[in-house]
Amino acid sequence: MRNTFLISIFILLLAGCNKDKFNTKPSLQYKSVNRNIIARGTGELAFTLSFTDAEGDLTDTIFVIKFVENCVSSRFTAPYPLPEFPTGKNQKGDILVTFGYNDISPKCFPRNDTAIFKFVLKDKAQNRSDTAVSEPIVIINN
């Protein structure tokens, strides 16, 4: 019993030591999306991402890639402007990226698009984050 308690304390200490480490390269993680299916008239598609940056020198843009397998005409890569926010060392926060149906509508008629969205942040020193990837989103062709 005592050994189990000591091992638990040790594991908690190790986990706490790695918390909130900031790197020169921005970090970006996919958190959630408000819906997995979108059709005309159903509102916006909203992705929530979390980020960290040691220097606080993110550029004003996040890059978004819409990837649809077997439908090249429906794919796109686009810069998405970030809102202005205070800068400083060891920044962390959430980013909300939204699209209306017309922004992401299917292009391979007559079928629906099943798209995966990829997100990349860049800082002023040209360091790029790892790519954050969404789960599949069905865009109804209507």
C-alpha atoms as a PDB file:
ATOM      1  CA  MET A   1       0.000   0.000   0.000  1.00  0.00           C
ATOM      2  CA  ARG A   2       2.795   2.400   0.930  1.00  0.00           C
ATOM      3  CA  ASN A   3       4.655   1.664  -2.320  1.00  0.00           C
ATOM      4  CA  THR A   4       1.504   2.356  -4.339  1.00  0.00           C
ATOM      5  CA  PHE A   5       1.126   5.720  -2.604  1.00  0.00           C
ATOM      6  CA  LEU A   6       4.780   6.663  -3.244  1.00  0.00           C
ATOM      7  CA  ILE A   7       4.576   5.622  -6.885  1.00  0.00           C
ATOM      8  CA  SER A   8       1.392   7.692  -7.321  1.00  0.00           C
ATOM      9  CA  ILE A   9       3.088  10.774  -5.829  1.00  0.00           C
ATOM     10  CA  PHE A  10       6.119  10.280  -8.101  1.00  0.00           C
ATOM     11  CA  ILE A  11       3.933  10.006 -11.225  1.00  0.00           C
ATOM     12  CA  LEU A  12       2.009  13.159 -10.258  1.00  0.00           C
ATOM     13  CA  LEU A  13       5.272  15.074  -9.765  1.00  0.00           C
ATOM     14  CA  LEU A  14       6.550  13.976 -13.175  1.00  0.00           C
ATOM     15  CA  ALA A  15       3.305  15.008 -14.845  1.00  0.00           C
ATOM     16  CA  GLY A  16       3.419  18.399 -13.104  1.00  0.00           C
ATOM     17  CA  CYS A  17       6.979  19.076 -14.255  1.00  0.00           C
ATOM     18  CA  ASN A  18       5.961  18.864 -17.913  1.00  0.00           C
ATOM     19  CA  LYS A  19       2.941  21.120 -17.564  1.00  0.00           C
ATOM     20  CA  ASP A  20       2.981  24.508 -19.296  1.00  0.00           C
ATOM     21  CA  LYS A  21       6.337  24.090 -21.035  1.00  0.00           C
ATOM     22  CA  PHE A  22       6.656  26.658 -23.771  1.00  0.00           C
ATOM     23  CA  ASN A  23       8.838  26.118 -26.806  1.00  0.00           C
ATOM     24  CA  THR A  24      10.287  28.435 -29.432  1.00  0.00           C
ATOM     25  CA  LYS A  25       8.236  26.587 -32.036  1.00  0.00           C
ATOM     26  CA  PRO A  26       4.526  27.392 -31.566  1.00  0.00           C
ATOM     27  CA  SER A  27       2.349  24.553 -30.354  1.00  0.00           C
ATOM     28  CA  LEU A  28      -1.147  24.038 -31.771  1.00  0.00           C
ATOM     29  CA  GLN A  29      -3.673  21.416 -30.704  1.00  0.00           C
ATOM     30  CA  TYR A  30      -7.114  20.627 -32.049  1.00  0.00           C
ATOM     31  CA  LYS A  31      -9.722  20.675 -29.271  1.00  0.00           C
ATOM     32  CA  SER A  32     -13.205  20.442 -30.790  1.00  0.00           C
ATOM     33  CA  VAL A  33     -15.741  21.371 -33.465  1.00  0.00           C
ATOM     34  CA  ASN A  34     -19.320  22.447 -32.841  1.00  0.00           C
ATOM     35  CA  ARG A  35     -20.810  19.989 -35.370  1.00  0.00           C
ATOM     36  CA  ASN A  36     -19.713  17.054 -37.518  1.00  0.00           C
ATOM     37  CA  ILE A  37     -22.313  17.657 -40.237  1.00  0.00           C
ATOM     38  CA  ILE A  38     -23.090  20.995 -41.865  1.00  0.00           C
ATOM     39  CA  ALA A  39     -25.683  21.861 -44.492  1.00  0.00           C
ATOM     40  CA  ARG A  40     -26.903  25.108 -46.010  1.00  0.00           C
ATOM     41  CA  GLY A  41     -28.847  27.058 -43.393  1.00  0.00           C
ATOM     42  CA  THR A  42     -27.552  25.154 -40.355  1.00  0.00           C
ATOM     43  CA  GLY A  43     -25.192  27.852 -39.101  1.00  0.00           C
ATOM     44  CA  GLU A  44     -21.432  28.078 -38.924  1.00  0.00           C
ATOM     45  CA  LEU A  45     -18.787  25.434 -38.499  1.00  0.00           C
ATOM     46  CA  ALA A  46     -16.620  26.477 -35.527  1.00  0.00           C
ATOM     47  CA  PHE A  47     -13.296  24.834 -34.650  1.00  0.00           C
ATOM     48  CA  THR A  48     -11.622  25.408 -31.274  1.00  0.00           C
ATOM     49  CA  LEU A  49      -7.825  25.078 -31.124  1.00  0.00           C
ATOM     50  CA  SER A  50      -5.384  25.734 -28.277  1.00  0.00           C
ATOM     51  CA  PHE A  51      -1.926  27.230 -28.699  1.00  0.00           C
ATOM     52  CA  THR A  52       1.247  28.045 -26.796  1.00  0.00           C
ATOM     53  CA  ASP A  53       4.209  30.179 -27.851  1.00  0.00           C
ATOM     54  CA  ALA A  54       7.294  31.001 -25.767  1.00  0.00           C
ATOM     55  CA  GLU A  55       8.178  34.295 -27.441  1.00  0.00           C
ATOM     56  CA  GLY A  56       4.643  35.548 -28.032  1.00  0.00           C
ATOM     57  CA  ASP A  57       5.499  36.421 -31.633  1.00  0.00           C
ATOM     58  CA  LEU A  58       2.754  34.666 -33.580  1.00  0.00           C
ATOM     59  CA  THR A  59       1.924  36.076 -36.984  1.00  0.00           C
ATOM     60  CA  ASP A  60      -1.546  37.446 -37.602  1.00  0.00           C
ATOM     61  CA  THR A  61      -2.674  34.360 -39.553  1.00  0.00           C
ATOM     62  CA  ILE A  62      -3.451  30.697 -39.054  1.00  0.00           C
ATOM     63  CA  PHE A  63      -3.301  28.567 -42.190  1.00  0.00           C
ATOM     64  CA  VAL A  64      -6.247  26.275 -42.867  1.00  0.00           C
ATOM     65  CA  ILE A  65      -6.298  23.371 -45.286  1.00  0.00           C
ATOM     66  CA  LYS A  66      -9.568  21.693 -46.295  1.00  0.00           C
ATOM     67  CA  PHE A  67      -8.742  18.198 -47.524  1.00  0.00           C
ATOM     68  CA  VAL A  68     -11.337  16.071 -49.316  1.00  0.00           C
ATOM     69  CA  GLU A  69     -10.152  12.680 -50.500  1.00  0.00           C
ATOM     70  CA  ASN A  70     -10.845  11.997 -54.207  1.00  0.00           C
ATOM     71  CA  CYS A  71     -12.064  15.554 -54.853  1.00  0.00           C
ATOM     72  CA  VAL A  72      -9.266  17.940 -55.721  1.00  0.00           C
ATOM     73  CA  SER A  73     -11.621  20.781 -56.691  1.00  0.00           C
ATOM     74  CA  SER A  74     -13.071  20.898 -53.161  1.00  0.00           C
ATOM     75  CA  ARG A  75      -9.694  21.247 -51.428  1.00  0.00           C
ATOM     76  CA  PHE A  76      -8.291  24.599 -50.424  1.00  0.00           C
ATOM     77  CA  THR A  77      -5.503  26.174 -48.445  1.00  0.00           C
ATOM     78  CA  ALA A  78      -6.335  29.570 -47.032  1.00  0.00           C
ATOM     79  CA  PRO A  79      -4.936  32.066 -44.577  1.00  0.00           C
ATOM     80  CA  TYR A  80      -7.393  32.805 -41.765  1.00  0.00           C
ATOM     81  CA  PRO A  81      -6.817  36.089 -39.925  1.00  0.00           C
ATOM     82  CA  LEU A  82      -6.338  35.940 -36.171  1.00  0.00           C
ATOM     83  CA  PRO A  83      -7.862  38.654 -34.026  1.00  0.00           C
ATOM     84  CA  GLU A  84      -5.499  41.078 -32.334  1.00  0.00           C
ATOM     85  CA  PHE A  85      -4.527  40.033 -28.839  1.00  0.00           C
ATOM     86  CA  PRO A  86      -1.953  41.162 -26.288  1.00  0.00           C
ATOM     87  CA  THR A  87       1.507  39.709 -26.880  1.00  0.00           C
ATOM     88  CA  GLY A  88       4.064  38.645 -24.320  1.00  0.00           C
ATOM     89  CA  LYS A  89       6.274  35.790 -23.240  1.00  0.00           C
ATOM     90  CA  ASN A  90       4.818  32.339 -22.625  1.00  0.00           C
ATOM     91  CA  GLN A  91       1.514  32.894 -24.359  1.00  0.00           C
ATOM     92  CA  LYS A  92      -1.265  30.359 -24.347  1.00  0.00           C
ATOM     93  CA  GLY A  93      -4.886  30.496 -25.302  1.00  0.00           C
ATOM     94  CA  ASP A  94      -7.648  29.273 -27.548  1.00  0.00           C
ATOM     95  CA  ILE A  95      -8.340  30.158 -31.170  1.00  0.00           C
ATOM     96  CA  LEU A  96     -11.818  29.954 -32.689  1.00  0.00           C
ATOM     97  CA  VAL A  97     -11.890  29.398 -36.470  1.00  0.00           C
ATOM     98  CA  THR A  98     -15.328  29.667 -38.100  1.00  0.00           C
ATOM     99  CA  PHE A  99     -16.630  29.014 -41.599  1.00  0.00           C
ATOM    100  CA  GLY A 100     -20.046  29.543 -43.123  1.00  0.00           C
ATOM    101  CA  TYR A 101     -21.482  26.920 -45.434  1.00  0.00           C
ATOM    102  CA  ASN A 102     -20.713  29.000 -48.545  1.00  0.00           C
ATOM    103  CA  ASP A 103     -17.019  29.188 -47.531  1.00  0.00           C
ATOM    104  CA  ILE A 104     -16.633  25.403 -47.512  1.00  0.00           C
ATOM    105  CA  SER A 105     -19.461  24.160 -49.763  1.00  0.00           C
ATOM    106  CA  PRO A 106     -18.949  20.909 -51.703  1.00  0.00           C
ATOM    107  CA  LYS A 107     -17.440  21.189 -55.185  1.00  0.00           C
ATOM    108  CA  CYS A 108     -17.649  17.560 -56.356  1.00  0.00           C
ATOM    109  CA  PHE A 109     -21.307  17.311 -57.321  1.00  0.00           C
ATOM    110  CA  PRO A 110     -23.575  15.476 -56.773  1.00  0.00           C
ATOM    111  CA  ARG A 111     -22.038  13.958 -53.643  1.00  0.00           C
ATOM    112  CA  ASN A 112     -21.374  15.335 -50.173  1.00  0.00           C
ATOM    113  CA  ASP A 113     -17.863  16.265 -49.083  1.00  0.00           C
ATOM    114  CA  THR A 114     -16.257  14.461 -46.184  1.00  0.00           C
ATOM    115  CA  ALA A 115     -13.501  16.885 -45.268  1.00  0.00           C
ATOM    116  CA  ILE A 116     -10.662  16.953 -42.812  1.00  0.00           C
ATOM    117  CA  PHE A 117      -9.429  20.389 -41.787  1.00  0.00           C
ATOM    118  CA  LYS A 118      -5.762  20.964 -40.976  1.00  0.00           C
ATOM    119  CA  PHE A 119      -4.415  24.003 -39.117  1.00  0.00           C
ATOM    120  CA  VAL A 120      -0.875  25.441 -38.867  1.00  0.00           C
ATOM    121  CA  LEU A 121       0.439  28.465 -36.939  1.00  0.00           C
ATOM    122  CA  LYS A 122       3.599  30.363 -37.814  1.00  0.00           C
ATOM    123  CA  ASP A 123       5.578  32.869 -35.782  1.00  0.00           C
ATOM    124  CA  LYS A 124       7.600  35.859 -36.935  1.00  0.00           C
ATOM    125  CA  ALA A 125      10.817  33.800 -36.832  1.00  0.00           C
ATOM    126  CA  GLN A 126       9.191  31.454 -39.411  1.00  0.00           C
ATOM    127  CA  ASN A 127       8.795  28.587 -36.911  1.00  0.00           C
ATOM    128  CA  ARG A 128       5.763  26.487 -37.755  1.00  0.00           C
ATOM    129  CA  SER A 129       3.601  24.550 -35.353  1.00  0.00           C
ATOM    130  CA  ASP A 130       2.776  20.909 -35.806  1.00  0.00           C
ATOM    131  CA  THR A 131      -0.345  20.417 -37.896  1.00  0.00           C
ATOM    132  CA  ALA A 132      -3.554  20.139 -35.870  1.00  0.00           C
ATOM    133  CA  VAL A 133      -6.119  17.915 -37.604  1.00  0.00           C
ATOM    134  CA  SER A 134      -9.898  17.773 -37.171  1.00  0.00           C
ATOM    135  CA  GLU A 135     -12.078  14.712 -37.253  1.00  0.00           C
ATOM    136  CA  PRO A 136     -13.994  14.169 -40.533  1.00  0.00           C
ATOM    137  CA  ILE A 137     -16.718  16.760 -41.208  1.00  0.00           C
ATOM    138  CA  VAL A 138     -19.566  15.951 -43.618  1.00  0.00           C
ATOM    139  CA  ILE A 139     -20.597  18.918 -45.772  1.00  0.00           C
ATOM    140  CA  ILE A 140     -24.029  18.184 -47.228  1.00  0.00           C
ATOM    141  CA  ASN A 141     -24.545  19.008 -50.896  1.00  0.00           C
ATOM    142  CA  ASN A 142     -27.928  20.746 -50.955  1.00  0.00           C
END
